[in-house]
């Protein structure tokens, strides 16, 4: 039987998700693409839709 991971509801720190045993879909390849190919982006996402987590993930990458 596979281990069931918890969803990181309310967790906005990428480091805590990585070390806390939470379920996470890794999309950092897309972040590398944004960094390498882009210039300025407007992050238009609904409330509670991962903007803070995205920015924290970028902080961890750098």
C-alpha atoms as a PDB file:
ATOM      1  CA  UNK A   1       0.000   0.000   0.000  1.00  0.00           C
ATOM      2  CA  UNK A   2       1.356   3.435  -0.958  1.00  0.00           C
ATOM      3  CA  UNK A   3       1.977   6.098   1.649  1.00  0.00           C
ATOM      4  CA  UNK A   4      -0.668   8.813   1.597  1.00  0.00           C
ATOM      5  CA  UNK A   5       0.787  12.322   1.722  1.00  0.00           C
ATOM      6  CA  UNK A   6      -1.007  15.295   3.213  1.00  0.00           C
ATOM      7  CA  UNK A   7      -2.064  18.215   1.049  1.00  0.00           C
ATOM      8  CA  UNK A   8      -0.186  21.419   1.946  1.00  0.00           C
ATOM      9  CA  UNK A   9      -3.325  23.462   2.618  1.00  0.00           C
ATOM     10  CA  UNK A  10      -2.311  26.865   3.975  1.00  0.00           C
ATOM     11  CA  UNK A  11       1.418  26.116   3.723  1.00  0.00           C
ATOM     12  CA  UNK A  12       3.132  28.899   1.781  1.00  0.00           C
ATOM     13  CA  UNK A  13       6.771  27.968   2.320  1.00  0.00           C
ATOM     14  CA  UNK A  14       8.368  25.773  -0.342  1.00  0.00           C
ATOM     15  CA  UNK A  15      11.021  24.525   2.079  1.00  0.00           C
ATOM     16  CA  UNK A  16       8.371  23.383   4.552  1.00  0.00           C
ATOM     17  CA  UNK A  17       6.522  21.494   1.812  1.00  0.00           C
ATOM     18  CA  UNK A  18       9.733  19.729   0.757  1.00  0.00           C
ATOM     19  CA  UNK A  19      10.696  18.658   4.272  1.00  0.00           C
ATOM     20  CA  UNK A  20       7.224  18.197   5.765  1.00  0.00           C
ATOM     21  CA  UNK A  21       6.098  15.172   3.785  1.00  0.00           C
ATOM     22  CA  UNK A  22       3.397  17.027   1.855  1.00  0.00           C
ATOM     23  CA  UNK A  23       2.060  16.167  -1.590  1.00  0.00           C
ATOM     24  CA  UNK A  24       3.588  18.515  -4.164  1.00  0.00           C
ATOM     25  CA  UNK A  25       3.545  18.548  -7.972  1.00  0.00           C
ATOM     26  CA  UNK A  26       6.953  19.802  -9.066  1.00  0.00           C
ATOM     27  CA  UNK A  27       6.647  22.479 -11.741  1.00  0.00           C
ATOM     28  CA  UNK A  28      10.083  24.044 -11.305  1.00  0.00           C
ATOM     29  CA  UNK A  29      10.938  23.214 -14.938  1.00  0.00           C
ATOM     30  CA  UNK A  30       8.326  25.810 -15.905  1.00  0.00           C
ATOM     31  CA  UNK A  31       9.963  28.312 -13.553  1.00  0.00           C
ATOM     32  CA  UNK A  32      13.337  27.743 -15.191  1.00  0.00           C
ATOM     33  CA  UNK A  33      11.680  28.359 -18.562  1.00  0.00           C
ATOM     34  CA  UNK A  34      10.146  31.625 -17.288  1.00  0.00           C
ATOM     35  CA  UNK A  35      13.496  32.745 -15.893  1.00  0.00           C
ATOM     36  CA  UNK A  36      15.498  31.866 -19.017  1.00  0.00           C
ATOM     37  CA  UNK A  37      13.078  33.098 -21.687  1.00  0.00           C
ATOM     38  CA  UNK A  38      11.121  35.910 -20.104  1.00  0.00           C
ATOM     39  CA  UNK A  39      11.469  39.433 -18.907  1.00  0.00           C
ATOM     40  CA  UNK A  40       8.486  40.819 -16.929  1.00  0.00           C
ATOM     41  CA  UNK A  41       5.375  38.911 -15.880  1.00  0.00           C
ATOM     42  CA  UNK A  42       2.092  39.912 -14.321  1.00  0.00           C
ATOM     43  CA  UNK A  43       0.893  37.134 -12.022  1.00  0.00           C
ATOM     44  CA  UNK A  44      -2.860  37.253 -12.370  1.00  0.00           C
ATOM     45  CA  UNK A  45      -4.264  34.453 -10.238  1.00  0.00           C
ATOM     46  CA  UNK A  46      -7.296  34.241  -7.954  1.00  0.00           C
ATOM     47  CA  UNK A  47      -7.037  34.620  -4.194  1.00  0.00           C
ATOM     48  CA  UNK A  48      -5.624  31.579  -2.383  1.00  0.00           C
ATOM     49  CA  UNK A  49      -4.210  30.216  -5.650  1.00  0.00           C
ATOM     50  CA  UNK A  50      -0.502  29.879  -4.873  1.00  0.00           C
ATOM     51  CA  UNK A  51       1.051  33.270  -5.620  1.00  0.00           C
ATOM     52  CA  UNK A  52       2.956  33.372  -2.328  1.00  0.00           C
ATOM     53  CA  UNK A  53       4.097  29.780  -2.767  1.00  0.00           C
ATOM     54  CA  UNK A  54       5.319  30.564  -6.293  1.00  0.00           C
ATOM     55  CA  UNK A  55       7.342  33.528  -5.044  1.00  0.00           C
ATOM     56  CA  UNK A  56       8.761  31.484  -2.163  1.00  0.00           C
ATOM     57  CA  UNK A  57       9.738  28.745  -4.637  1.00  0.00           C
ATOM     58  CA  UNK A  58      11.581  31.340  -6.728  1.00  0.00           C
ATOM     59  CA  UNK A  59      13.361  32.536  -3.579  1.00  0.00           C
ATOM     60  CA  UNK A  60      14.477  28.960  -2.875  1.00  0.00           C
ATOM     61  CA  UNK A  61      15.744  28.566  -6.456  1.00  0.00           C
ATOM     62  CA  UNK A  62      17.960  31.625  -6.103  1.00  0.00           C
END
